[in-house]
Amino acid sequence: MNHDSYDDGYIRGILNTVKTIAMVGVSAKESRPSYFAFKYLLERGYRMIPVNPGLAGQELLGQKAYAKLLDIPEPVDMVDIFRASQYAPAIVQEALALKPRPQVIWMQLGVRSDDAGKLAEENGIKVVMNRCPKIEYGRLSSEIAWMGVNTRTLGAKKAQLSGRGIQRMALNRPTIAGGTTDATMRAQTPDRDNR
C-alpha cells in the first residue's frame, strides 16, 4: 500500500469500524497533542485506553492507564502510536502478541516507519502512517470543514465545489452521549440554501 496518501474511503472505513483504541504514548499534560487527540476521540464514543508506563495504574479522563499493550485485559481494535518513529517497530511487535490482534496500526502525524508498517501488513493488519485520527475524523465528519481542511485550502470563505454546496462526508459514529454528532446530522440533511 502507498503510505504517502490514503483514500478517504480507507480512512472512513477504519474510523467507522474500530471501537476500542489503545493510544501508546498518550500524555496526561493537557497542553500535549496526544491529550487533545485522546480526549476528542473519547468524546466521539470510542473506548480509549491510555498506554504509558508513567501513567500505569492511574486514570486519564476516567480511563485506566496501562504500562504496555500486553497489560490491557480486553481486545483492542486499533493501536494509535504517539511515540517517535524509531519506537514503532517494537510497538507493532508487541501488538502482534495481543490475542486477538488489533485490526489497525495507526501512526500519528510525524510518525512513519516503513519497517513497522510492513510487519503489520504482513500479519493482516491495516496501517496508517503520518496521520492523526482526530484530524481525519473531524475532516471526514465535516466538523472542521469550516476551517478549509476538507478543501485542502485554508481561508475564511467556504469553497464551492462543482455541483451543489459544500462537500459533506459523514462518519456513522455515536458520540459519548449516545447520539450522532451535529456535523453528521448536518451532512445527512440537505442544505436548504442550495436547493
Protein backbone atom coordinates (compact mmCIF):
# COMPACT_ATOMS: atom_id res chain seq x y z
CA MET A 1 0.00 0.00 0.00
CA ASN A 2 1.13 3.54 -0.72
CA HIS A 3 1.51 5.24 2.64
CA ASP A 4 2.10 8.70 1.17
CA SER A 5 -1.62 9.23 0.62
CA TYR A 6 -4.82 7.45 1.63
CA ASP A 7 -8.20 7.20 0.01
CA ASP A 8 -10.94 8.80 2.13
CA GLY A 9 -12.87 5.53 1.96
CA TYR A 10 -9.97 3.66 3.56
CA ILE A 11 -9.71 6.12 6.47
CA ARG A 12 -13.50 6.37 6.87
CA GLY A 13 -13.76 2.56 6.91
CA ILE A 14 -11.26 2.36 9.75
CA LEU A 15 -12.88 5.13 11.80
CA ASN A 16 -16.34 3.60 11.32
CA THR A 17 -15.19 0.08 12.23
CA VAL A 18 -12.91 0.40 15.25
CA LYS A 19 -14.43 0.79 18.68
CA THR A 20 -11.52 0.34 21.10
CA ILE A 21 -8.30 2.34 20.63
CA ALA A 22 -5.13 1.91 22.69
CA MET A 23 -3.12 5.14 22.47
CA VAL A 24 0.55 4.38 23.12
CA GLY A 25 2.45 7.41 24.37
CA VAL A 26 -0.52 9.49 25.49
CA SER A 27 0.30 12.27 27.94
CA ALA A 28 -1.70 13.46 30.94
CA LYS A 29 -0.46 17.01 30.26
CA GLU A 30 -3.40 18.99 28.90
CA SER A 31 -1.17 21.01 26.58
CA ARG A 32 0.11 17.96 24.67
CA PRO A 33 -1.35 16.94 21.28
CA SER A 34 -1.75 13.35 22.49
CA TYR A 35 -4.03 14.54 25.30
CA PHE A 36 -6.17 16.56 22.84
CA ALA A 37 -6.46 13.61 20.46
CA PHE A 38 -7.28 11.18 23.29
CA LYS A 39 -9.98 13.46 24.73
CA TYR A 40 -11.50 14.21 21.31
CA LEU A 41 -11.79 10.54 20.32
CA LEU A 42 -13.16 9.63 23.76
CA GLU A 43 -15.86 12.29 23.36
CA ARG A 44 -16.75 10.82 19.94
CA GLY A 45 -17.69 7.50 21.52
CA TYR A 46 -14.51 5.47 21.09
CA ARG A 47 -13.33 3.30 24.01
CA MET A 48 -9.94 4.88 24.66
CA ILE A 49 -7.20 3.08 26.58
CA PRO A 50 -4.16 5.12 27.67
CA VAL A 51 -0.81 3.29 27.40
CA ASN A 52 2.12 4.98 29.12
CA PRO A 53 4.40 3.49 31.81
CA GLY A 54 4.39 6.80 33.67
CA LEU A 55 0.58 6.69 33.98
CA ALA A 56 0.17 2.95 34.71
CA GLY A 57 -2.45 2.28 37.38
CA GLN A 58 -3.78 5.84 37.21
CA GLU A 59 -6.75 7.17 35.26
CA LEU A 60 -6.75 9.58 32.35
CA LEU A 61 -10.14 11.19 31.78
CA GLY A 62 -11.73 8.31 33.68
CA GLN A 63 -9.92 5.61 31.66
CA LYS A 64 -7.48 3.24 33.41
CA ALA A 65 -3.93 3.55 32.09
CA TYR A 66 -1.59 0.65 31.39
CA ALA A 67 2.20 0.45 31.17
CA LYS A 68 2.20 -1.56 27.93
CA LEU A 69 -0.17 -3.06 25.38
CA LEU A 70 0.18 -6.58 26.80
CA ASP A 71 -1.21 -5.36 30.15
CA ILE A 72 -4.58 -4.44 28.61
CA PRO A 73 -7.15 -7.08 29.69
CA GLU A 74 -9.54 -6.60 26.77
CA PRO A 75 -9.38 -6.76 22.97
CA VAL A 76 -8.11 -3.65 21.15
CA ASP A 77 -9.28 -2.77 17.64
CA MET A 78 -6.63 -0.14 16.91
CA VAL A 79 -3.22 0.81 18.29
CA ASP A 80 -2.56 4.54 17.90
CA ILE A 81 1.20 5.20 18.14
CA PHE A 82 2.05 8.58 19.67
CA ARG A 83 5.78 7.83 20.01
CA ALA A 84 8.78 8.68 17.82
CA SER A 85 9.15 6.66 14.62
CA GLN A 86 12.08 4.63 15.97
CA TYR A 87 9.77 3.04 18.57
CA ALA A 88 7.09 1.96 16.09
CA PRO A 89 8.59 -1.47 15.15
CA ALA A 90 8.75 -2.57 18.80
CA ILE A 91 5.19 -1.36 19.41
CA VAL A 92 3.98 -3.31 16.37
CA GLN A 93 5.83 -6.41 17.64
CA GLU A 94 4.01 -6.05 20.95
CA ALA A 95 0.67 -5.51 19.18
CA LEU A 96 1.21 -8.73 17.23
CA ALA A 97 1.40 -10.62 20.54
CA LEU A 98 -2.09 -9.43 21.55
CA LYS A 99 -4.89 -12.01 21.41
CA PRO A 100 -6.87 -11.17 19.38
CA ARG A 101 -4.64 -8.94 17.29
CA PRO A 102 -5.74 -5.37 16.57
CA GLN A 103 -7.24 -4.60 13.16
CA VAL A 104 -5.29 -1.36 12.69
CA ILE A 105 -1.91 0.18 13.49
CA TRP A 106 -2.20 3.97 13.25
CA MET A 107 0.92 6.13 13.44
CA GLN A 108 0.37 9.76 14.38
CA LEU A 109 1.46 12.88 12.49
CA GLY A 110 5.22 12.82 12.07
CA VAL A 111 5.43 9.10 12.83
CA ARG A 112 6.44 6.89 9.93
CA SER A 113 8.14 3.53 9.95
CA ASP A 114 8.03 1.53 6.75
CA ASP A 115 9.50 -1.47 8.60
CA ALA A 116 6.75 -1.34 11.24
CA GLY A 117 4.11 -0.86 8.54
CA LYS A 118 5.39 -3.79 6.50
CA LEU A 119 5.46 -6.05 9.57
CA ALA A 120 1.86 -5.14 10.44
CA GLU A 121 0.60 -5.58 6.88
CA GLU A 122 2.37 -8.94 6.52
CA ASN A 123 0.28 -10.03 9.51
CA GLY A 124 -3.03 -8.83 8.06
CA ILE A 125 -3.25 -5.54 9.94
CA LYS A 126 -4.26 -2.29 8.25
CA VAL A 127 -1.77 0.55 8.56
CA VAL A 128 -2.00 4.35 8.55
CA MET A 129 1.14 6.48 8.90
CA ASN A 130 1.74 10.18 9.47
CA ARG A 131 -1.93 10.99 10.09
CA CYS A 132 -3.96 11.96 13.15
CA PRO A 133 -7.28 10.15 13.73
CA LYS A 134 -8.62 13.29 15.44
CA ILE A 135 -7.93 15.40 12.36
CA GLU A 136 -9.18 12.72 9.97
CA TYR A 137 -12.37 12.24 11.99
CA GLY A 138 -13.02 15.97 12.06
CA ARG A 139 -12.31 16.33 8.36
CA LEU A 140 -14.44 13.40 7.22
CA SER A 141 -17.34 14.20 9.56
CA SER A 142 -17.23 17.84 8.36
CA GLU A 143 -16.73 19.07 11.92
CA ILE A 144 -13.72 21.07 10.77
CA ALA A 145 -14.76 21.76 7.17
CA TRP A 146 -15.35 25.40 8.05
CA MET A 147 -11.58 25.78 8.54
CA GLY A 148 -10.89 24.67 4.98
CA VAL A 149 -9.43 21.26 5.83
CA ASN A 150 -11.80 19.34 3.54
CA THR A 151 -10.95 21.63 0.66
CA ARG A 152 -7.18 21.47 1.30
CA THR A 153 -7.25 25.30 1.21
CA LEU A 154 -7.12 27.47 4.30
CA GLY A 155 -9.28 30.55 4.19
CA ALA A 156 -12.28 32.27 5.70
CA LYS A 157 -14.52 31.61 2.73
CA LYS A 158 -16.16 28.23 2.15
CA ALA A 159 -15.11 26.72 -1.16
CA GLN A 160 -17.83 25.91 -3.66
CA LEU A 161 -17.38 22.56 -5.35
CA SER A 162 -18.76 21.54 -8.69
CA GLY A 163 -22.36 20.66 -8.05
CA ARG A 164 -24.28 21.99 -5.08
CA GLY A 165 -22.81 23.47 -1.93
CA ILE A 166 -20.01 22.27 0.27
CA GLN A 167 -18.71 18.74 0.15
CA ARG A 168 -20.22 16.74 3.02
CA MET A 169 -18.91 13.46 4.36
CA ALA A 170 -20.27 11.71 7.39
CA LEU A 171 -18.96 9.17 9.81
CA ASN A 172 -21.50 6.82 11.29
CA ARG A 173 -20.35 7.23 14.89
CA PRO A 174 -22.32 7.88 18.07
CA THR A 175 -20.99 10.48 20.48
CA ILE A 176 -20.25 9.76 24.13
CA ALA A 177 -23.79 10.95 24.85
CA GLY A 178 -25.11 8.22 22.56
CA GLY A 179 -26.36 10.34 19.64
CA THR A 180 -24.79 11.33 16.37
CA THR A 181 -22.66 14.44 16.10
CA ASP A 182 -24.19 17.70 14.87
CA ALA A 183 -21.84 17.57 11.91
CA THR A 184 -23.13 14.14 10.96
CA MET A 185 -26.70 15.36 11.19
CA ARG A 186 -25.88 18.39 9.01
CA ALA A 187 -24.19 16.14 6.48
CA GLN A 188 -27.29 13.96 6.29
CA THR A 189 -29.67 16.92 5.90
CA PRO A 190 -29.86 18.74 2.54
CA ASP A 191 -28.65 22.32 2.64
CA ARG A 192 -31.79 24.45 2.19
CA ASP A 193 -29.86 27.42 0.82
CA ASN A 194 -28.52 25.41 -2.11
CA ARG A 195 -31.74 23.90 -3.49
